[in-house]
Amino acid sequence: MPAPTRILVVDDHEVFVDALAVCLGDFDGVAVVGTATSLESGMRLLDQAAYDVMVLDLDLAGEDGLRLAREALRLNPGAGVVVATGLDASDRVVEAVQLGVRGWVTKTVTPEELVDAIKGVARGETRIPADLLAGVLVSFSREQRAPLEHVQGIRDLTTRELEVLGCLVEGMSRTEIGELLHVSPNTVRTHVQSILHKLKVHSALAAVAIARRAGVTGASILTS
């Protein structure tokens, strides 16, 4: 039986934190390993708990939750962050994704939907609502205007990395990529990290935006 996905919950509403921890405890495959109710206590938690996914509110008693996301992803690049917010903060999605956040839900989602997002992010997938995701891709595309022959990072990718990038352009998850290319999810994760490093971006979405802006399609890479 696989180990459960370890979760940190950080929100400045203690009642919400306690209720969410209890609720998540009813689901198989996930386990809450730490909670915090402020930016400061969340920062301390990063050094105290081994975790796979952080569920994070944007507003921590007037402090910016993305500060914690930035530090969490710096210290533990292999972990995921799911923003769970009650705010109308769609204007902050691009900033969050640029940091490496791969999950975004509102606090109105069902527990089942939240657990599904957490498990997806833990697998390396991006779980952001389609309407917000479209805006992120448009924003990234505007920032990446160089044609393919001028994108040095893409030219530096290996054949296998180009195949993985092509799969990402097609919207495939890391599990699906592994199945298609007959490699393990961990190998896919390693390739994705190398792609992000060479393209000098922090998220797979940004890498996809560069590829699309350069005129690259998933099919053209996979059949090249």
N, C-alpha and C. Protein backbone atom coordinates (compact mmCIF):
# COMPACT_ATOMS: atom_id res chain seq x y z
N MET A 1 0.85 -1.20 0.00
CA MET A 1 0.00 0.00 0.00
C MET A 1 0.88 1.24 0.00
N PRO A 2 0.66 2.18 -0.95
CA PRO A 2 1.52 3.37 -1.01
C PRO A 2 1.36 4.26 0.21
N ALA A 3 2.43 4.99 0.52
CA ALA A 3 2.38 5.91 1.66
C ALA A 3 1.39 7.02 1.38
N PRO A 4 0.71 7.53 2.40
CA PRO A 4 -0.25 8.62 2.18
C PRO A 4 0.45 9.91 1.80
N THR A 5 -0.26 10.76 1.09
CA THR A 5 0.23 12.09 0.78
C THR A 5 0.21 12.93 2.05
N ARG A 6 1.37 13.44 2.43
CA ARG A 6 1.49 14.21 3.68
C ARG A 6 1.17 15.68 3.42
N ILE A 7 0.29 16.23 4.27
CA ILE A 7 -0.26 17.56 4.00
C ILE A 7 0.03 18.51 5.16
N LEU A 8 0.41 19.73 4.82
CA LEU A 8 0.43 20.84 5.77
C LEU A 8 -0.76 21.74 5.46
N VAL A 9 -1.42 22.24 6.49
CA VAL A 9 -2.54 23.18 6.31
C VAL A 9 -2.17 24.48 7.00
N VAL A 10 -2.20 25.58 6.24
CA VAL A 10 -1.85 26.90 6.80
C VAL A 10 -2.97 27.88 6.45
N ASP A 11 -3.64 28.37 7.49
CA ASP A 11 -4.76 29.30 7.32
C ASP A 11 -4.90 30.08 8.62
N ASP A 12 -5.23 31.35 8.55
CA ASP A 12 -5.29 32.16 9.78
C ASP A 12 -6.59 31.98 10.55
N HIS A 13 -7.51 31.16 10.05
CA HIS A 13 -8.74 30.87 10.78
C HIS A 13 -8.59 29.50 11.45
N GLU A 14 -8.39 29.51 12.76
CA GLU A 14 -8.09 28.28 13.49
C GLU A 14 -9.21 27.26 13.37
N VAL A 15 -10.45 27.73 13.40
CA VAL A 15 -11.58 26.81 13.29
C VAL A 15 -11.55 26.10 11.94
N PHE A 16 -11.24 26.86 10.88
CA PHE A 16 -11.17 26.25 9.54
C PHE A 16 -10.05 25.22 9.49
N VAL A 17 -8.89 25.57 10.06
CA VAL A 17 -7.76 24.65 10.05
C VAL A 17 -8.12 23.35 10.76
N ASP A 18 -8.71 23.48 11.95
CA ASP A 18 -9.06 22.29 12.72
C ASP A 18 -10.10 21.44 11.98
N ALA A 19 -11.09 22.11 11.41
CA ALA A 19 -12.16 21.38 10.71
C ALA A 19 -11.60 20.68 9.47
N LEU A 20 -10.71 21.37 8.75
CA LEU A 20 -10.14 20.77 7.54
C LEU A 20 -9.26 19.58 7.89
N ALA A 21 -8.49 19.71 8.96
CA ALA A 21 -7.63 18.60 9.38
C ALA A 21 -8.47 17.37 9.73
N VAL A 22 -9.57 17.57 10.44
CA VAL A 22 -10.45 16.47 10.79
C VAL A 22 -11.09 15.87 9.54
N CYS A 23 -11.53 16.74 8.64
CA CYS A 23 -12.19 16.29 7.41
C CYS A 23 -11.24 15.47 6.55
N LEU A 24 -10.01 15.97 6.36
CA LEU A 24 -9.05 15.25 5.52
C LEU A 24 -8.67 13.91 6.15
N GLY A 25 -8.76 13.84 7.46
CA GLY A 25 -8.44 12.59 8.14
C GLY A 25 -9.40 11.46 7.81
N ASP A 26 -10.56 11.80 7.24
CA ASP A 26 -11.54 10.78 6.88
C ASP A 26 -11.26 10.14 5.53
N PHE A 27 -10.26 10.66 4.80
CA PHE A 27 -9.98 10.17 3.46
C PHE A 27 -8.76 9.26 3.45
N ASP A 28 -8.85 8.20 2.68
CA ASP A 28 -7.70 7.32 2.50
C ASP A 28 -6.67 8.00 1.59
N GLY A 29 -5.41 7.73 1.85
CA GLY A 29 -4.36 8.20 0.96
C GLY A 29 -3.83 9.57 1.27
N VAL A 30 -4.34 10.25 2.30
CA VAL A 30 -3.83 11.56 2.70
C VAL A 30 -3.69 11.59 4.21
N ALA A 31 -2.76 12.40 4.71
CA ALA A 31 -2.58 12.54 6.16
C ALA A 31 -2.06 13.93 6.46
N VAL A 32 -2.74 14.64 7.34
CA VAL A 32 -2.29 15.97 7.77
C VAL A 32 -1.17 15.79 8.79
N VAL A 33 0.00 16.33 8.48
CA VAL A 33 1.18 16.15 9.34
C VAL A 33 1.57 17.44 10.07
N GLY A 34 0.85 18.54 9.79
CA GLY A 34 1.15 19.78 10.48
C GLY A 34 0.18 20.88 10.11
N THR A 35 -0.07 21.79 11.04
CA THR A 35 -0.96 22.93 10.79
C THR A 35 -0.33 24.19 11.35
N ALA A 36 -0.71 25.33 10.77
CA ALA A 36 -0.24 26.62 11.26
C ALA A 36 -1.31 27.65 10.97
N THR A 37 -1.34 28.71 11.78
CA THR A 37 -2.39 29.73 11.64
C THR A 37 -1.82 31.13 11.40
N SER A 38 -0.55 31.21 11.05
CA SER A 38 0.05 32.52 10.75
C SER A 38 1.24 32.32 9.84
N LEU A 39 1.69 33.40 9.23
CA LEU A 39 2.87 33.33 8.37
C LEU A 39 4.08 32.87 9.18
N GLU A 40 4.24 33.43 10.36
CA GLU A 40 5.39 33.09 11.20
C GLU A 40 5.39 31.62 11.60
N SER A 41 4.25 31.13 12.07
CA SER A 41 4.21 29.72 12.48
C SER A 41 4.32 28.80 11.27
N GLY A 42 3.84 29.27 10.12
CA GLY A 42 4.00 28.49 8.90
C GLY A 42 5.46 28.37 8.49
N MET A 43 6.21 29.45 8.63
CA MET A 43 7.64 29.42 8.32
C MET A 43 8.36 28.42 9.22
N ARG A 44 8.00 28.41 10.52
CA ARG A 44 8.63 27.46 11.44
C ARG A 44 8.28 26.03 11.06
N LEU A 45 7.06 25.85 10.59
CA LEU A 45 6.58 24.51 10.25
C LEU A 45 7.39 23.90 9.11
N LEU A 46 7.89 24.74 8.22
CA LEU A 46 8.65 24.24 7.08
C LEU A 46 9.89 23.46 7.52
N ASP A 47 10.45 23.84 8.65
CA ASP A 47 11.65 23.17 9.16
C ASP A 47 11.33 21.98 10.06
N GLN A 48 10.05 21.83 10.40
CA GLN A 48 9.69 20.82 11.41
C GLN A 48 8.99 19.60 10.84
N ALA A 49 8.38 19.72 9.69
CA ALA A 49 7.54 18.64 9.17
C ALA A 49 7.96 18.24 7.75
N ALA A 50 8.04 16.94 7.51
CA ALA A 50 8.24 16.43 6.16
C ALA A 50 6.87 16.31 5.50
N TYR A 51 6.70 16.90 4.34
CA TYR A 51 5.38 16.95 3.73
C TYR A 51 5.49 16.86 2.22
N ASP A 52 4.35 16.58 1.58
CA ASP A 52 4.28 16.49 0.12
C ASP A 52 3.52 17.66 -0.50
N VAL A 53 2.48 18.12 0.18
CA VAL A 53 1.64 19.22 -0.33
C VAL A 53 1.26 20.15 0.80
N MET A 54 1.36 21.44 0.55
CA MET A 54 0.87 22.45 1.49
C MET A 54 -0.43 23.04 0.97
N VAL A 55 -1.46 23.05 1.81
CA VAL A 55 -2.72 23.73 1.50
C VAL A 55 -2.65 25.08 2.19
N LEU A 56 -2.73 26.15 1.41
CA LEU A 56 -2.35 27.48 1.90
C LEU A 56 -3.38 28.54 1.55
N ASP A 57 -3.72 29.36 2.53
CA ASP A 57 -4.57 30.52 2.28
C ASP A 57 -3.71 31.68 1.80
N LEU A 58 -4.27 32.55 0.98
CA LEU A 58 -3.52 33.71 0.48
C LEU A 58 -3.34 34.78 1.54
N ASP A 59 -4.34 34.97 2.37
CA ASP A 59 -4.32 36.04 3.38
C ASP A 59 -4.13 35.43 4.75
N LEU A 60 -2.96 35.65 5.33
CA LEU A 60 -2.66 35.12 6.66
C LEU A 60 -2.62 36.28 7.65
N ALA A 61 -3.81 36.67 8.11
CA ALA A 61 -3.94 37.79 9.06
C ALA A 61 -3.24 39.04 8.53
N GLY A 62 -3.49 39.34 7.26
CA GLY A 62 -2.90 40.53 6.65
C GLY A 62 -1.54 40.30 6.02
N GLU A 63 -0.95 39.13 6.26
CA GLU A 63 0.33 38.79 5.65
C GLU A 63 0.08 38.01 4.35
N ASP A 64 1.00 38.15 3.40
CA ASP A 64 0.84 37.52 2.10
C ASP A 64 1.22 36.05 2.15
N GLY A 65 0.25 35.17 1.92
CA GLY A 65 0.51 33.75 1.95
C GLY A 65 1.51 33.30 0.90
N LEU A 66 1.61 34.04 -0.20
CA LEU A 66 2.55 33.64 -1.24
C LEU A 66 4.00 33.78 -0.78
N ARG A 67 4.24 34.57 0.25
CA ARG A 67 5.59 34.61 0.83
C ARG A 67 5.96 33.25 1.38
N LEU A 68 4.99 32.60 2.01
CA LEU A 68 5.23 31.26 2.55
C LEU A 68 5.38 30.25 1.42
N ALA A 69 4.57 30.39 0.38
CA ALA A 69 4.68 29.49 -0.77
C ALA A 69 6.07 29.60 -1.39
N ARG A 70 6.56 30.82 -1.54
CA ARG A 70 7.89 31.03 -2.13
C ARG A 70 8.97 30.33 -1.32
N GLU A 71 8.91 30.47 0.00
CA GLU A 71 9.92 29.85 0.86
C GLU A 71 9.77 28.33 0.86
N ALA A 72 8.53 27.85 0.87
CA ALA A 72 8.30 26.41 0.87
C ALA A 72 8.86 25.77 -0.39
N LEU A 73 8.65 26.40 -1.53
CA LEU A 73 9.12 25.84 -2.79
C LEU A 73 10.62 25.99 -2.95
N ARG A 74 11.19 26.97 -2.29
CA ARG A 74 12.65 27.12 -2.31
C ARG A 74 13.30 26.02 -1.49
N LEU A 75 12.74 25.75 -0.31
CA LEU A 75 13.32 24.75 0.59
C LEU A 75 13.00 23.32 0.14
N ASN A 76 11.86 23.14 -0.49
CA ASN A 76 11.40 21.79 -0.85
C ASN A 76 10.80 21.82 -2.26
N PRO A 77 11.65 21.92 -3.29
CA PRO A 77 11.14 22.05 -4.66
C PRO A 77 10.29 20.87 -5.11
N GLY A 78 10.47 19.72 -4.49
CA GLY A 78 9.70 18.55 -4.88
C GLY A 78 8.29 18.52 -4.34
N ALA A 79 7.99 19.41 -3.39
CA ALA A 79 6.65 19.46 -2.80
C ALA A 79 5.72 20.31 -3.66
N GLY A 80 4.43 20.24 -3.36
CA GLY A 80 3.45 21.03 -4.09
C GLY A 80 2.73 21.98 -3.17
N VAL A 81 2.14 23.02 -3.75
CA VAL A 81 1.34 23.98 -3.01
C VAL A 81 -0.03 24.09 -3.67
N VAL A 82 -1.08 23.97 -2.85
CA VAL A 82 -2.45 24.21 -3.31
C VAL A 82 -2.96 25.43 -2.57
N VAL A 83 -3.24 26.50 -3.29
CA VAL A 83 -3.85 27.68 -2.68
C VAL A 83 -5.34 27.41 -2.50
N ALA A 84 -5.83 27.59 -1.28
CA ALA A 84 -7.26 27.45 -0.98
C ALA A 84 -7.72 28.77 -0.43
N THR A 85 -8.45 29.53 -1.22
CA THR A 85 -8.76 30.90 -0.83
C THR A 85 -10.26 31.18 -0.89
N GLY A 86 -10.69 32.04 -0.02
CA GLY A 86 -12.07 32.52 -0.05
C GLY A 86 -12.17 33.87 -0.70
N LEU A 87 -11.03 34.39 -1.18
CA LEU A 87 -10.99 35.71 -1.78
C LEU A 87 -11.20 35.64 -3.28
N ASP A 88 -11.63 36.75 -3.87
CA ASP A 88 -11.63 36.87 -5.32
C ASP A 88 -10.24 37.37 -5.69
N ALA A 89 -9.33 36.43 -5.85
CA ALA A 89 -7.92 36.78 -6.04
C ALA A 89 -7.39 36.25 -7.37
N SER A 90 -8.25 36.25 -8.39
CA SER A 90 -7.82 35.73 -9.68
C SER A 90 -6.65 36.51 -10.25
N ASP A 91 -6.50 37.76 -9.81
CA ASP A 91 -5.39 38.57 -10.31
C ASP A 91 -4.04 38.09 -9.78
N ARG A 92 -4.06 37.19 -8.82
CA ARG A 92 -2.81 36.72 -8.22
C ARG A 92 -2.41 35.33 -8.71
N VAL A 93 -3.23 34.74 -9.58
CA VAL A 93 -2.93 33.40 -10.06
C VAL A 93 -1.62 33.37 -10.83
N VAL A 94 -1.40 34.35 -11.70
CA VAL A 94 -0.17 34.37 -12.50
C VAL A 94 1.05 34.45 -11.59
N GLU A 95 0.99 35.32 -10.60
CA GLU A 95 2.09 35.43 -9.65
C GLU A 95 2.34 34.11 -8.93
N ALA A 96 1.25 33.46 -8.53
CA ALA A 96 1.39 32.19 -7.81
C ALA A 96 2.03 31.13 -8.71
N VAL A 97 1.58 31.02 -9.94
CA VAL A 97 2.12 30.02 -10.85
C VAL A 97 3.58 30.30 -11.17
N GLN A 98 3.93 31.58 -11.29
CA GLN A 98 5.33 31.93 -11.52
C GLN A 98 6.23 31.44 -10.39
N LEU A 99 5.69 31.39 -9.20
CA LEU A 99 6.45 30.88 -8.05
C LEU A 99 6.58 29.36 -8.08
N GLY A 100 5.68 28.69 -8.80
CA GLY A 100 5.68 27.24 -8.83
C GLY A 100 4.45 26.60 -8.23
N VAL A 101 3.46 27.41 -7.81
CA VAL A 101 2.19 26.87 -7.28
C VAL A 101 1.46 26.15 -8.41
N ARG A 102 0.99 24.92 -8.13
CA ARG A 102 0.32 24.14 -9.16
C ARG A 102 -1.13 23.80 -8.84
N GLY A 103 -1.61 24.27 -7.69
CA GLY A 103 -3.00 24.00 -7.33
C GLY A 103 -3.69 25.26 -6.85
N TRP A 104 -4.96 25.41 -7.22
CA TRP A 104 -5.73 26.61 -6.83
C TRP A 104 -7.19 26.21 -6.71
N VAL A 105 -7.76 26.36 -5.53
CA VAL A 105 -9.18 26.05 -5.32
C VAL A 105 -9.79 27.15 -4.47
N THR A 106 -11.10 27.26 -4.53
CA THR A 106 -11.81 28.14 -3.61
C THR A 106 -12.26 27.32 -2.41
N LYS A 107 -12.57 28.00 -1.34
CA LYS A 107 -13.00 27.29 -0.13
C LYS A 107 -14.43 26.77 -0.23
N THR A 108 -15.05 26.97 -1.38
CA THR A 108 -16.39 26.44 -1.60
C THR A 108 -16.36 25.04 -2.22
N VAL A 109 -15.16 24.53 -2.55
CA VAL A 109 -15.10 23.19 -3.15
C VAL A 109 -15.47 22.15 -2.11
N THR A 110 -15.90 21.01 -2.58
CA THR A 110 -16.23 19.91 -1.68
C THR A 110 -14.94 19.29 -1.15
N PRO A 111 -15.02 18.59 -0.02
CA PRO A 111 -13.82 17.89 0.47
C PRO A 111 -13.25 16.92 -0.57
N GLU A 112 -14.14 16.24 -1.30
CA GLU A 112 -13.68 15.31 -2.33
C GLU A 112 -12.89 16.03 -3.41
N GLU A 113 -13.37 17.22 -3.80
CA GLU A 113 -12.67 17.99 -4.83
C GLU A 113 -11.32 18.48 -4.33
N LEU A 114 -11.25 18.87 -3.06
CA LEU A 114 -9.99 19.32 -2.49
C LEU A 114 -8.99 18.17 -2.43
N VAL A 115 -9.43 17.01 -1.97
CA VAL A 115 -8.54 15.85 -1.89
C VAL A 115 -8.06 15.46 -3.29
N ASP A 116 -8.94 15.53 -4.26
CA ASP A 116 -8.56 15.22 -5.64
C ASP A 116 -7.47 16.19 -6.13
N ALA A 117 -7.63 17.48 -5.80
CA ALA A 117 -6.62 18.47 -6.20
C ALA A 117 -5.29 18.20 -5.49
N ILE A 118 -5.36 17.88 -4.21
CA ILE A 118 -4.14 17.61 -3.44
C ILE A 118 -3.39 16.41 -4.03
N LYS A 119 -4.12 15.34 -4.29
CA LYS A 119 -3.48 14.14 -4.83
C LYS A 119 -2.92 14.39 -6.23
N GLY A 120 -3.64 15.19 -7.02
CA GLY A 120 -3.15 15.51 -8.36
C GLY A 120 -1.86 16.30 -8.30
N VAL A 121 -1.82 17.31 -7.45
CA VAL A 121 -0.61 18.12 -7.30
C VAL A 121 0.54 17.26 -6.79
N ALA A 122 0.24 16.35 -5.87
CA ALA A 122 1.28 15.46 -5.36
C ALA A 122 1.87 14.59 -6.46
N ARG A 123 1.07 14.28 -7.48
CA ARG A 123 1.55 13.49 -8.62
C ARG A 123 2.28 14.34 -9.65
N GLY A 124 2.34 15.66 -9.41
CA GLY A 124 3.02 16.53 -10.35
C GLY A 124 2.10 17.21 -11.34
N GLU A 125 0.80 17.06 -11.16
CA GLU A 125 -0.15 17.66 -12.09
C GLU A 125 -0.46 19.11 -11.69
N THR A 126 -1.01 19.86 -12.63
CA THR A 126 -1.49 21.21 -12.36
C THR A 126 -2.99 21.17 -12.18
N ARG A 127 -3.48 21.66 -11.06
CA ARG A 127 -4.91 21.67 -10.77
C ARG A 127 -5.37 23.10 -10.54
N ILE A 128 -5.60 23.81 -11.63
CA ILE A 128 -6.06 25.20 -11.59
C ILE A 128 -7.28 25.29 -12.48
N PRO A 129 -8.37 25.95 -12.03
CA PRO A 129 -9.58 26.04 -12.84
C PRO A 129 -9.30 26.53 -14.25
N ALA A 130 -10.02 25.98 -15.22
CA ALA A 130 -9.74 26.24 -16.63
C ALA A 130 -9.79 27.73 -16.97
N ASP A 131 -10.75 28.47 -16.39
CA ASP A 131 -10.86 29.88 -16.74
C ASP A 131 -9.65 30.67 -16.24
N LEU A 132 -9.13 30.31 -15.06
CA LEU A 132 -7.94 30.97 -14.55
C LEU A 132 -6.70 30.52 -15.31
N LEU A 133 -6.66 29.27 -15.66
CA LEU A 133 -5.50 28.72 -16.38
C LEU A 133 -5.34 29.38 -17.73
N ALA A 134 -6.45 29.66 -18.40
CA ALA A 134 -6.37 30.32 -19.70
C ALA A 134 -5.72 31.68 -19.57
N GLY A 135 -6.07 32.43 -18.53
CA GLY A 135 -5.46 33.73 -18.31
C GLY A 135 -3.98 33.64 -18.02
N VAL A 136 -3.58 32.59 -17.29
CA VAL A 136 -2.16 32.39 -16.98
C VAL A 136 -1.38 32.15 -18.27
N LEU A 137 -1.89 31.29 -19.14
CA LEU A 137 -1.19 30.98 -20.37
C LEU A 137 -1.09 32.20 -21.28
N VAL A 138 -2.14 33.01 -21.33
CA VAL A 138 -2.10 34.23 -22.13
C VAL A 138 -1.03 35.17 -21.58
N SER A 139 -0.99 35.32 -20.27
CA SER A 139 -0.01 36.21 -19.65
C SER A 139 1.41 35.73 -19.93
N PHE A 140 1.65 34.42 -19.75
CA PHE A 140 2.97 33.88 -20.00
C PHE A 140 3.37 34.03 -21.46
N SER A 141 2.41 33.81 -22.36
CA SER A 141 2.71 33.90 -23.78
C SER A 141 3.12 35.31 -24.17
N ARG A 142 2.51 36.31 -23.55
CA ARG A 142 2.87 37.70 -23.85
C ARG A 142 4.28 38.02 -23.40
N GLU A 143 4.72 37.32 -22.34
CA GLU A 143 6.05 37.57 -21.80
C GLU A 143 7.14 36.83 -22.58
N GLN A 144 6.76 35.80 -23.33
CA GLN A 144 7.73 34.98 -24.05
C GLN A 144 7.51 35.16 -25.55
N ARG A 145 8.22 36.08 -26.16
CA ARG A 145 7.94 36.45 -27.54
C ARG A 145 9.00 35.94 -28.54
N ALA A 146 10.08 35.34 -28.07
CA ALA A 146 11.14 34.93 -28.97
C ALA A 146 10.70 33.74 -29.82
N PRO A 147 11.03 33.72 -31.15
CA PRO A 147 10.74 32.56 -31.97
C PRO A 147 11.60 31.38 -31.55
N LEU A 148 11.25 30.18 -32.03
CA LEU A 148 11.90 28.97 -31.57
C LEU A 148 13.41 29.02 -31.75
N GLU A 149 13.89 29.51 -32.92
CA GLU A 149 15.32 29.48 -33.18
C GLU A 149 16.10 30.39 -32.24
N HIS A 150 15.40 31.30 -31.56
CA HIS A 150 16.06 32.21 -30.63
C HIS A 150 15.86 31.80 -29.17
N VAL A 151 15.13 30.73 -28.93
CA VAL A 151 14.93 30.26 -27.56
C VAL A 151 16.03 29.24 -27.26
N GLN A 152 17.12 29.74 -26.71
CA GLN A 152 18.29 28.89 -26.47
C GLN A 152 17.94 27.71 -25.58
N GLY A 153 17.10 27.94 -24.60
CA GLY A 153 16.76 26.86 -23.68
C GLY A 153 16.12 25.69 -24.39
N ILE A 154 15.22 25.95 -25.35
CA ILE A 154 14.57 24.86 -26.08
C ILE A 154 15.60 24.13 -26.93
N ARG A 155 16.53 24.84 -27.55
CA ARG A 155 17.56 24.19 -28.36
C ARG A 155 18.46 23.31 -27.51
N ASP A 156 18.58 23.63 -26.22
CA ASP A 156 19.44 22.86 -25.33
C ASP A 156 18.78 21.59 -24.80
N LEU A 157 17.49 21.43 -25.05
CA LEU A 157 16.80 20.25 -24.53
C LEU A 157 17.23 18.99 -25.28
N THR A 158 17.31 17.89 -24.54
CA THR A 158 17.61 16.61 -25.16
C THR A 158 16.37 16.11 -25.91
N THR A 159 16.57 15.07 -26.72
CA THR A 159 15.44 14.49 -27.46
C THR A 159 14.33 14.04 -26.51
N ARG A 160 14.72 13.38 -25.43
CA ARG A 160 13.72 12.91 -24.47
C ARG A 160 13.02 14.08 -23.79
N GLU A 161 13.77 15.13 -23.46
CA GLU A 161 13.16 16.31 -22.84
C GLU A 161 12.18 16.98 -23.80
N LEU A 162 12.50 16.98 -25.09
CA LEU A 162 11.58 17.54 -26.08
C LEU A 162 10.30 16.70 -26.15
N GLU A 163 10.45 15.39 -26.03
CA GLU A 163 9.27 14.53 -26.01
C GLU A 163 8.39 14.83 -24.80
N VAL A 164 9.02 15.01 -23.65
CA VAL A 164 8.27 15.32 -22.44
C VAL A 164 7.60 16.69 -22.57
N LEU A 165 8.33 17.67 -23.12
CA LEU A 165 7.74 19.00 -23.33
C LEU A 165 6.55 18.91 -24.27
N GLY A 166 6.68 18.10 -25.30
CA GLY A 166 5.57 17.91 -26.23
C GLY A 166 4.34 17.36 -25.53
N CYS A 167 4.56 16.42 -24.64
CA CYS A 167 3.44 15.86 -23.86
C CYS A 167 2.80 16.93 -22.98
N LEU A 168 3.63 17.78 -22.38
CA LEU A 168 3.10 18.86 -21.54
C LEU A 168 2.26 19.83 -22.37
N VAL A 169 2.73 20.13 -23.58
CA VAL A 169 1.96 21.02 -24.47
C VAL A 169 0.61 20.41 -24.79
N GLU A 170 0.56 19.08 -24.87
CA GLU A 170 -0.70 18.40 -25.16
C GLU A 170 -1.60 18.30 -23.94
N GLY A 171 -1.11 18.79 -22.77
CA GLY A 171 -1.93 18.78 -21.56
C GLY A 171 -1.91 17.48 -20.79
N MET A 172 -0.92 16.65 -21.06
CA MET A 172 -0.85 15.36 -20.39
C MET A 172 -0.29 15.50 -18.98
N SER A 173 -0.76 14.64 -18.07
CA SER A 173 -0.22 14.60 -16.71
C SER A 173 1.09 13.84 -16.72
N ARG A 174 1.83 13.93 -15.62
CA ARG A 174 3.10 13.21 -15.55
C ARG A 174 2.89 11.70 -15.56
N THR A 175 1.80 11.24 -14.98
CA THR A 175 1.49 9.82 -15.03
C THR A 175 1.24 9.37 -16.46
N GLU A 176 0.48 10.15 -17.20
CA GLU A 176 0.19 9.83 -18.61
C GLU A 176 1.45 9.87 -19.46
N ILE A 177 2.32 10.85 -19.17
CA ILE A 177 3.58 10.94 -19.91
C ILE A 177 4.43 9.69 -19.68
N GLY A 178 4.51 9.27 -18.41
CA GLY A 178 5.28 8.08 -18.09
C GLY A 178 4.77 6.85 -18.82
N GLU A 179 3.44 6.71 -18.88
CA GLU A 179 2.85 5.57 -19.57
C GLU A 179 3.14 5.62 -21.07
N LEU A 180 3.05 6.81 -21.66
CA LEU A 180 3.29 6.94 -23.09
C LEU A 180 4.74 6.67 -23.45
N LEU A 181 5.66 7.19 -22.63
CA LEU A 181 7.08 7.08 -22.94
C LEU A 181 7.74 5.87 -22.28
N HIS A 182 6.95 5.10 -21.53
CA HIS A 182 7.43 3.88 -20.89
C HIS A 182 8.57 4.16 -19.90
N VAL A 183 8.35 5.19 -19.09
CA VAL A 183 9.30 5.53 -18.03
C VAL A 183 8.51 5.74 -16.74
N SER A 184 9.20 5.76 -15.61
CA SER A 184 8.53 5.93 -14.32
C SER A 184 8.14 7.38 -14.09
N PRO A 185 7.15 7.63 -13.23
CA PRO A 185 6.79 9.01 -12.89
C PRO A 185 7.98 9.79 -12.33
N ASN A 186 8.85 9.13 -11.57
CA ASN A 186 10.02 9.82 -11.04
C ASN A 186 10.96 10.27 -12.14
N THR A 187 11.09 9.45 -13.19
CA THR A 187 11.92 9.84 -14.33
C THR A 187 11.30 11.03 -15.05
N VAL A 188 9.98 11.02 -15.19
CA VAL A 188 9.30 12.17 -15.81
C VAL A 188 9.55 13.42 -14.98
N ARG A 189 9.45 13.30 -13.67
CA ARG A 189 9.68 14.45 -12.78
C ARG A 189 11.09 15.01 -13.00
N THR A 190 12.07 14.12 -13.12
CA THR A 190 13.45 14.56 -13.35
C THR A 190 13.58 15.31 -14.68
N HIS A 191 12.95 14.79 -15.72
CA HIS A 191 13.00 15.46 -17.02
C HIS A 191 12.33 16.83 -16.95
N VAL A 192 11.19 16.91 -16.27
CA VAL A 192 10.48 18.20 -16.16
C VAL A 192 11.35 19.22 -15.42
N GLN A 193 11.99 18.79 -14.34
CA GLN A 193 12.85 19.70 -13.60
C GLN A 193 14.00 20.20 -14.46
N SER A 194 14.56 19.32 -15.29
CA SER A 194 15.63 19.73 -16.20
C SER A 194 15.13 20.72 -17.24
N ILE A 195 13.91 20.48 -17.76
CA ILE A 195 13.32 21.40 -18.73
C ILE A 195 13.14 22.79 -18.12
N LEU A 196 12.59 22.83 -16.90
CA LEU A 196 12.37 24.13 -16.24
C LEU A 196 13.69 24.85 -16.02
N HIS A 197 14.73 24.09 -15.64
CA HIS A 197 16.05 24.69 -15.41
C HIS A 197 16.61 25.29 -16.70
N LYS A 198 16.52 24.56 -17.79
CA LYS A 198 17.07 25.04 -19.06
C LYS A 198 16.28 26.21 -19.62
N LEU A 199 14.97 26.22 -19.38
CA LEU A 199 14.14 27.32 -19.88
C LEU A 199 14.08 28.49 -18.91
N LYS A 200 14.70 28.30 -17.74
CA LYS A 200 14.76 29.36 -16.71
C LYS A 200 13.37 29.81 -16.29
N VAL A 201 12.50 28.82 -16.01
CA VAL A 201 11.16 29.09 -15.51
C VAL A 201 10.92 28.22 -14.29
N HIS A 202 9.82 28.49 -13.58
CA HIS A 202 9.55 27.79 -12.33
C HIS A 202 8.35 26.87 -12.40
N SER A 203 7.69 26.80 -13.54
CA SER A 203 6.50 25.95 -13.62
C SER A 203 6.37 25.36 -15.01
N ALA A 204 5.70 24.21 -15.07
CA ALA A 204 5.46 23.57 -16.36
C ALA A 204 4.58 24.45 -17.25
N LEU A 205 3.67 25.22 -16.65
CA LEU A 205 2.83 26.11 -17.43
C LEU A 205 3.65 27.14 -18.18
N ALA A 206 4.66 27.69 -17.51
CA ALA A 206 5.53 28.66 -18.16
C ALA A 206 6.30 28.01 -19.30
N ALA A 207 6.74 26.78 -19.11
CA ALA A 207 7.45 26.06 -20.17
C ALA A 207 6.53 25.83 -21.36
N VAL A 208 5.27 25.46 -21.10
CA VAL A 208 4.31 25.26 -22.17
C VAL A 208 4.07 26.57 -22.92
N ALA A 209 3.96 27.67 -22.19
CA ALA A 209 3.74 28.97 -22.83
C ALA A 209 4.89 29.33 -23.76
N ILE A 210 6.13 29.07 -23.33
CA ILE A 210 7.29 29.34 -24.18
C ILE A 210 7.20 28.51 -25.46
N ALA A 211 6.89 27.23 -25.31
CA ALA A 211 6.80 26.35 -26.47
C ALA A 211 5.71 26.82 -27.43
N ARG A 212 4.55 27.17 -26.89
CA ARG A 212 3.45 27.61 -27.75
C ARG A 212 3.77 28.93 -28.44
N ARG A 213 4.37 29.86 -27.69
CA ARG A 213 4.69 31.16 -28.28
C ARG A 213 5.73 31.02 -29.37
N ALA A 214 6.59 30.02 -29.24
CA ALA A 214 7.63 29.78 -30.24
C ALA A 214 7.08 29.04 -31.45
N GLY A 215 5.80 28.71 -31.44
CA GLY A 215 5.20 28.03 -32.57
C GLY A 215 5.34 26.53 -32.53
N VAL A 216 5.68 26.00 -31.36
CA VAL A 216 5.85 24.56 -31.21
C VAL A 216 4.53 23.93 -30.78
N THR A 217 4.16 22.82 -31.40
CA THR A 217 2.98 22.07 -30.98
C THR A 217 3.43 20.75 -30.39
N GLY A 218 2.60 20.19 -29.56
CA GLY A 218 2.95 18.90 -28.97
C GLY A 218 3.15 17.85 -30.04
N ALA A 219 2.28 17.84 -31.04
CA ALA A 219 2.38 16.84 -32.10
C ALA A 219 3.68 16.98 -32.88
N SER A 220 4.09 18.22 -33.14
CA SER A 220 5.30 18.42 -33.94
C SER A 220 6.53 17.94 -33.20
N ILE A 221 6.55 18.08 -31.85
CA ILE A 221 7.68 17.61 -31.10
C ILE A 221 7.68 16.10 -31.02
N LEU A 222 6.52 15.52 -30.75
CA LEU A 222 6.44 14.07 -30.56
C LEU A 222 6.71 13.30 -31.85
N THR A 223 6.51 13.91 -32.99
CA THR A 223 6.73 13.20 -34.26
C THR A 223 8.01 13.62 -34.94
N SER A 224 8.81 14.49 -34.28
CA SER A 224 10.03 14.98 -34.92
C SER A 224 11.12 13.93 -34.88
